[in-house]
Amino acid sequence: MFEDRARVLLILPRDVLDRARVFAGEAMTKLKGPVSLQMVLRALIDQGLRRERGRSLLTNIEVQMRAVREVRSRGRRPGAMARSTRPSARTAGGRRS
């Protein structure tokens, strides 16, 4: 099954990850065996790619594309660098021994 494999970093919204965890729990109960989150994500991606590539898939991709473009454009605006270099609340107090 995994003769030709590659590693991928997948960044997901927390609610999507939570839904996948719930699905993994349900699958574990129904199958009466261990089911990992990785197994669920692989199956969902595989099944999603087998389906007909309809308009809803393209709409989802378009929404993500626009969100990424917006985040990147905010990073290029003047003053964005000054905001991002401010110390966070965690580091503002310095280290404690």
C-alpha atoms as a PDB file:
ATOM      1  CA  MET A   1       0.000   0.000   0.000  1.00  0.00           C
ATOM      2  CA  PHE A   2       2.796   2.465   0.813  1.00  0.00           C
ATOM      3  CA  GLU A   3       5.499   1.470  -1.666  1.00  0.00           C
ATOM      4  CA  ASP A   4       5.681   4.920  -3.252  1.00  0.00           C
ATOM      5  CA  ARG A   5       5.091   7.531  -0.586  1.00  0.00           C
ATOM      6  CA  ALA A   6       5.946  11.135   0.176  1.00  0.00           C
ATOM      7  CA  ARG A   7       5.750  13.275   3.303  1.00  0.00           C
ATOM      8  CA  VAL A   8       3.422  16.257   3.367  1.00  0.00           C
ATOM      9  CA  LEU A   9       2.835  18.970   5.928  1.00  0.00           C
ATOM     10  CA  LEU A  10      -0.882  19.632   6.123  1.00  0.00           C
ATOM     11  CA  ILE A  11      -2.160  22.696   7.946  1.00  0.00           C
ATOM     12  CA  LEU A  12      -5.854  22.472   8.776  1.00  0.00           C
ATOM     13  CA  PRO A  13      -8.351  24.634  10.609  1.00  0.00           C
ATOM     14  CA  ARG A  14      -8.990  23.305  14.106  1.00  0.00           C
ATOM     15  CA  ASP A  15     -12.676  22.585  13.410  1.00  0.00           C
ATOM     16  CA  VAL A  16     -11.770  20.406  10.405  1.00  0.00           C
ATOM     17  CA  LEU A  17      -9.225  18.513  12.470  1.00  0.00           C
ATOM     18  CA  ASP A  18     -11.758  18.061  15.274  1.00  0.00           C
ATOM     19  CA  ARG A  19     -14.324  16.660  12.836  1.00  0.00           C
ATOM     20  CA  ALA A  20     -11.727  14.232  11.497  1.00  0.00           C
ATOM     21  CA  ARG A  21     -10.912  13.125  15.059  1.00  0.00           C
ATOM     22  CA  VAL A  22     -14.606  12.501  15.732  1.00  0.00           C
ATOM     23  CA  PHE A  23     -14.792  10.496  12.516  1.00  0.00           C
ATOM     24  CA  ALA A  24     -11.748   8.468  13.602  1.00  0.00           C
ATOM     25  CA  GLY A  25     -13.454   7.712  16.915  1.00  0.00           C
ATOM     26  CA  GLU A  26     -16.639   6.620  15.164  1.00  0.00           C
ATOM     27  CA  ALA A  27     -14.646   4.436  12.767  1.00  0.00           C
ATOM     28  CA  MET A  28     -12.790   2.852  15.690  1.00  0.00           C
ATOM     29  CA  THR A  29     -16.100   1.997  17.365  1.00  0.00           C
ATOM     30  CA  LYS A  30     -17.644   0.557  14.194  1.00  0.00           C
ATOM     31  CA  LEU A  31     -14.550  -1.365  13.099  1.00  0.00           C
ATOM     32  CA  LYS A  32     -13.623  -2.473  16.630  1.00  0.00           C
ATOM     33  CA  GLY A  33      -9.951  -1.736  16.072  1.00  0.00           C
ATOM     34  CA  PRO A  34      -7.432   1.094  16.237  1.00  0.00           C
ATOM     35  CA  VAL A  35      -7.966   3.885  13.702  1.00  0.00           C
ATOM     36  CA  SER A  36      -5.524   6.796  13.577  1.00  0.00           C
ATOM     37  CA  LEU A  37      -6.193  10.331  12.479  1.00  0.00           C
ATOM     38  CA  GLN A  38      -3.638   9.788   9.714  1.00  0.00           C
ATOM     39  CA  MET A  39      -5.653   6.839   8.379  1.00  0.00           C
ATOM     40  CA  VAL A  40      -8.804   8.954   8.315  1.00  0.00           C
ATOM     41  CA  LEU A  41      -7.119  11.881   6.547  1.00  0.00           C
ATOM     42  CA  ARG A  42      -5.571   9.575   3.929  1.00  0.00           C
ATOM     43  CA  ALA A  43      -8.951   7.946   3.270  1.00  0.00           C
ATOM     44  CA  LEU A  44     -10.762  11.286   3.033  1.00  0.00           C
ATOM     45  CA  ILE A  45      -8.204  12.690   0.588  1.00  0.00           C
ATOM     46  CA  ASP A  46      -8.256   9.512  -1.495  1.00  0.00           C
ATOM     47  CA  GLN A  47     -12.062   9.352  -1.620  1.00  0.00           C
ATOM     48  CA  GLY A  48     -12.297  13.081  -2.344  1.00  0.00           C
ATOM     49  CA  LEU A  49      -9.924  12.780  -5.293  1.00  0.00           C
ATOM     50  CA  ARG A  50     -11.888   9.841  -6.723  1.00  0.00           C
ATOM     51  CA  ARG A  51     -15.113  11.812  -6.801  1.00  0.00           C
ATOM     52  CA  GLU A  52     -16.176  13.878  -9.740  1.00  0.00           C
ATOM     53  CA  ARG A  53     -14.376  17.215  -9.622  1.00  0.00           C
ATOM     54  CA  GLY A  54     -17.458  19.381  -9.416  1.00  0.00           C
ATOM     55  CA  ARG A  55     -18.060  23.053  -8.860  1.00  0.00           C
ATOM     56  CA  SER A  56     -18.154  22.738  -5.058  1.00  0.00           C
ATOM     57  CA  LEU A  57     -14.547  21.519  -4.998  1.00  0.00           C
ATOM     58  CA  LEU A  58     -13.405  24.423  -7.171  1.00  0.00           C
ATOM     59  CA  THR A  59     -15.359  26.864  -5.003  1.00  0.00           C
ATOM     60  CA  ASN A  60     -13.638  25.514  -1.884  1.00  0.00           C
ATOM     61  CA  ILE A  61     -10.223  25.859  -3.525  1.00  0.00           C
ATOM     62  CA  GLU A  62     -11.067  29.386  -4.668  1.00  0.00           C
ATOM     63  CA  VAL A  63     -12.030  30.443  -1.122  1.00  0.00           C
ATOM     64  CA  GLN A  64      -8.727  29.078   0.200  1.00  0.00           C
ATOM     65  CA  MET A  65      -6.781  30.756  -2.614  1.00  0.00           C
ATOM     66  CA  ARG A  66      -8.346  34.144  -1.848  1.00  0.00           C
ATOM     67  CA  ALA A  67      -7.685  33.741   1.890  1.00  0.00           C
ATOM     68  CA  VAL A  68      -4.001  32.985   1.280  1.00  0.00           C
ATOM     69  CA  ARG A  69      -3.729  35.911  -1.133  1.00  0.00           C
ATOM     70  CA  GLU A  70      -5.271  38.239   1.482  1.00  0.00           C
ATOM     71  CA  VAL A  71      -2.887  37.082   4.214  1.00  0.00           C
ATOM     72  CA  ARG A  72       0.102  37.513   1.914  1.00  0.00           C
ATOM     73  CA  SER A  73      -0.993  40.963   0.761  1.00  0.00           C
ATOM     74  CA  ARG A  74      -1.354  42.102   4.390  1.00  0.00           C
ATOM     75  CA  GLY A  75       2.235  40.980   4.945  1.00  0.00           C
ATOM     76  CA  ARG A  76       3.493  43.188   2.091  1.00  0.00           C
ATOM     77  CA  ARG A  77       1.770  46.365   3.261  1.00  0.00           C
ATOM     78  CA  PRO A  78       3.919  49.111   4.799  1.00  0.00           C
ATOM     79  CA  GLY A  79       4.066  48.862   8.571  1.00  0.00           C
ATOM     80  CA  ALA A  80       3.285  45.151   8.577  1.00  0.00           C
ATOM     81  CA  MET A  81       6.882  44.321   9.437  1.00  0.00           C
ATOM     82  CA  ALA A  82       6.904  46.705  12.390  1.00  0.00           C
ATOM     83  CA  ARG A  83       3.794  45.038  13.815  1.00  0.00           C
ATOM     84  CA  SER A  84       5.176  41.541  13.394  1.00  0.00           C
ATOM     85  CA  THR A  85       8.493  42.329  15.123  1.00  0.00           C
ATOM     86  CA  ARG A  86       6.907  43.528  18.362  1.00  0.00           C
ATOM     87  CA  PRO A  87       7.550  41.197  21.279  1.00  0.00           C
ATOM     88  CA  SER A  88       4.612  39.020  22.138  1.00  0.00           C
ATOM     89  CA  ALA A  89       3.034  38.986  25.580  1.00  0.00           C
ATOM     90  CA  ARG A  90       4.869  35.746  26.287  1.00  0.00           C
ATOM     91  CA  THR A  91       8.333  37.207  25.562  1.00  0.00           C
ATOM     92  CA  ALA A  92       7.702  40.746  26.811  1.00  0.00           C
ATOM     93  CA  GLY A  93       8.302  39.840  30.440  1.00  0.00           C
ATOM     94  CA  GLY A  94      11.587  38.133  29.701  1.00  0.00           C
ATOM     95  CA  ARG A  95      12.666  34.714  30.904  1.00  0.00           C
ATOM     96  CA  ARG A  96      12.043  33.587  34.421  1.00  0.00           C
ATOM     97  CA  SER A  97      14.372  31.286  36.250  1.00  0.00           C
END
